[in-house]
């Protein structure tokens, strides 16, 4: 986590997300932020066999699911609570905890009253 996006943050994220040598056939989607257009980003993806995918310029619906998720996250744990996080580490832990909650415990009507993990598990059985 960083106070502002920089290449080091992106490189750290990529190394954590893709520790193995090959992810042949994987597609990684992002918006068109400058860090995702940087050559080092594309070099890393190519070295792992990952194909980059980017939203079209000025077309946020291309990234609608992630935009929706971050909007929900901010409204449920951040807006109105900004002063409760005494450090970046506390905020980072709150986000990590929320992502676990969202994926494993938070039910959604459009997933038939299941959490995303429950729905995916049931669907792929």
Protein backbone atom coordinates (compact mmCIF):
# COMPACT_ATOMS: atom_id res chain seq x y z
CA UNK A 1 0.00 0.00 0.00
CA UNK A 2 1.19 3.48 -0.78
CA UNK A 3 0.00 7.05 -0.34
CA UNK A 4 0.23 7.43 -4.12
CA UNK A 5 0.71 4.96 -6.97
CA UNK A 6 4.29 4.36 -8.04
CA UNK A 7 6.20 1.69 -9.96
CA UNK A 8 7.60 0.07 -6.83
CA UNK A 9 4.08 -0.52 -5.53
CA UNK A 10 3.02 -2.12 -8.81
CA UNK A 11 6.15 -4.29 -9.02
CA UNK A 12 5.61 -5.51 -5.44
CA UNK A 13 1.97 -6.31 -6.20
CA UNK A 14 2.89 -8.26 -9.32
CA UNK A 15 5.56 -10.30 -7.53
CA UNK A 16 3.12 -11.19 -4.73
CA UNK A 17 0.30 -12.05 -7.12
CA UNK A 18 2.42 -14.10 -9.54
CA UNK A 19 5.25 -15.86 -7.64
CA UNK A 20 5.47 -18.86 -9.99
CA UNK A 21 7.45 -18.98 -13.23
CA UNK A 22 4.59 -19.36 -15.69
CA UNK A 23 0.98 -18.28 -15.91
CA UNK A 24 0.53 -19.15 -19.58
CA UNK A 25 -2.95 -18.25 -20.82
CA UNK A 26 -3.70 -15.84 -17.96
CA UNK A 27 -5.20 -12.46 -18.83
CA UNK A 28 -4.70 -9.55 -16.41
CA UNK A 29 -7.15 -6.67 -16.84
CA UNK A 30 -6.48 -3.12 -15.67
CA UNK A 31 -7.51 0.42 -16.39
CA UNK A 32 -5.22 2.68 -18.43
CA UNK A 33 -3.33 4.15 -15.49
CA UNK A 34 0.20 5.27 -16.33
CA UNK A 35 1.74 2.47 -14.26
CA UNK A 36 -0.09 -0.16 -16.36
CA UNK A 37 1.25 1.37 -19.55
CA UNK A 38 4.85 1.36 -18.30
CA UNK A 39 7.28 -0.93 -20.11
CA UNK A 40 8.41 -2.65 -16.89
CA UNK A 41 4.79 -3.73 -16.23
CA UNK A 42 4.50 -5.25 -19.71
CA UNK A 43 7.96 -6.86 -19.44
CA UNK A 44 6.97 -8.57 -16.18
CA UNK A 45 3.71 -9.88 -17.64
CA UNK A 46 5.48 -11.17 -20.74
CA UNK A 47 8.09 -12.94 -18.60
CA UNK A 48 5.27 -14.88 -16.88
CA UNK A 49 3.23 -15.62 -20.01
CA UNK A 50 0.46 -13.23 -18.94
CA UNK A 51 -1.48 -11.27 -21.54
CA UNK A 52 -2.40 -7.70 -20.53
CA UNK A 53 -5.91 -6.39 -21.10
CA UNK A 54 -6.84 -2.72 -20.67
CA UNK A 55 -10.08 -0.80 -20.48
CA UNK A 56 -10.79 1.51 -23.36
CA UNK A 57 -9.93 5.16 -22.76
CA UNK A 58 -12.60 7.08 -20.86
CA UNK A 59 -14.80 4.00 -20.59
CA UNK A 60 -15.23 3.07 -16.93
CA UNK A 61 -17.93 0.43 -17.65
CA UNK A 62 -15.08 -1.75 -18.99
CA UNK A 63 -13.87 -1.98 -15.40
CA UNK A 64 -17.35 -1.84 -13.86
CA UNK A 65 -17.08 -4.78 -11.48
CA UNK A 66 -13.94 -3.44 -9.82
CA UNK A 67 -15.27 0.12 -9.73
CA UNK A 68 -18.41 -1.22 -8.03
CA UNK A 69 -16.41 -3.26 -5.50
CA UNK A 70 -14.21 -0.32 -4.52
CA UNK A 71 -17.27 1.93 -4.21
CA UNK A 72 -18.88 -0.58 -1.83
CA UNK A 73 -15.64 -1.00 0.14
CA UNK A 74 -15.23 2.76 0.58
CA UNK A 75 -18.85 3.27 1.63
CA UNK A 76 -18.82 0.38 4.12
CA UNK A 77 -15.44 0.83 5.83
CA UNK A 78 -13.99 4.21 4.92
CA UNK A 79 -16.41 7.11 4.40
CA UNK A 80 -17.19 8.53 7.83
CA UNK A 81 -14.44 6.44 9.45
CA UNK A 82 -11.37 8.18 7.97
CA UNK A 83 -10.10 9.38 11.36
CA UNK A 84 -10.36 5.92 12.97
CA UNK A 85 -7.38 4.62 11.00
CA UNK A 86 -4.34 5.76 12.98
CA UNK A 87 -1.82 4.52 10.41
CA UNK A 88 -1.50 3.19 6.88
CA UNK A 89 -0.90 -0.25 8.43
CA UNK A 90 -4.28 -0.10 10.25
CA UNK A 91 -6.03 0.95 7.03
CA UNK A 92 -4.29 -1.81 5.08
CA UNK A 93 -5.38 -4.42 7.66
CA UNK A 94 -8.96 -3.11 7.55
CA UNK A 95 -8.97 -3.44 3.75
CA UNK A 96 -7.50 -6.96 3.92
CA UNK A 97 -10.13 -7.97 6.50
CA UNK A 98 -12.91 -6.42 4.42
CA UNK A 99 -11.85 -8.26 1.25
CA UNK A 100 -11.98 -11.56 3.17
CA UNK A 101 -15.41 -10.62 4.56
CA UNK A 102 -16.70 -9.53 1.14
CA UNK A 103 -15.58 -12.74 -0.56
CA UNK A 104 -16.48 -15.23 2.16
CA UNK A 105 -19.26 -13.84 4.36
CA UNK A 106 -21.10 -10.93 2.69
CA UNK A 107 -24.18 -12.32 0.96
CA UNK A 108 -25.53 -10.85 -2.26
CA UNK A 109 -29.11 -11.11 -3.49
CA UNK A 110 -27.99 -11.59 -7.10
CA UNK A 111 -25.89 -14.57 -5.97
CA UNK A 112 -29.03 -16.19 -4.52
CA UNK A 113 -28.21 -15.18 -0.95
CA UNK A 114 -24.69 -16.61 -1.05
CA UNK A 115 -21.27 -15.02 -0.68
CA UNK A 116 -19.09 -14.92 -3.81
CA UNK A 117 -16.98 -17.87 -2.59
CA UNK A 118 -20.06 -19.91 -1.64
CA UNK A 119 -21.65 -19.20 -5.01
CA UNK A 120 -18.52 -20.10 -6.96
CA UNK A 121 -18.03 -23.29 -4.93
CA UNK A 122 -21.64 -24.36 -5.51
CA UNK A 123 -21.50 -23.44 -9.21
CA UNK A 124 -18.32 -25.42 -9.91
CA UNK A 125 -19.29 -28.60 -8.01
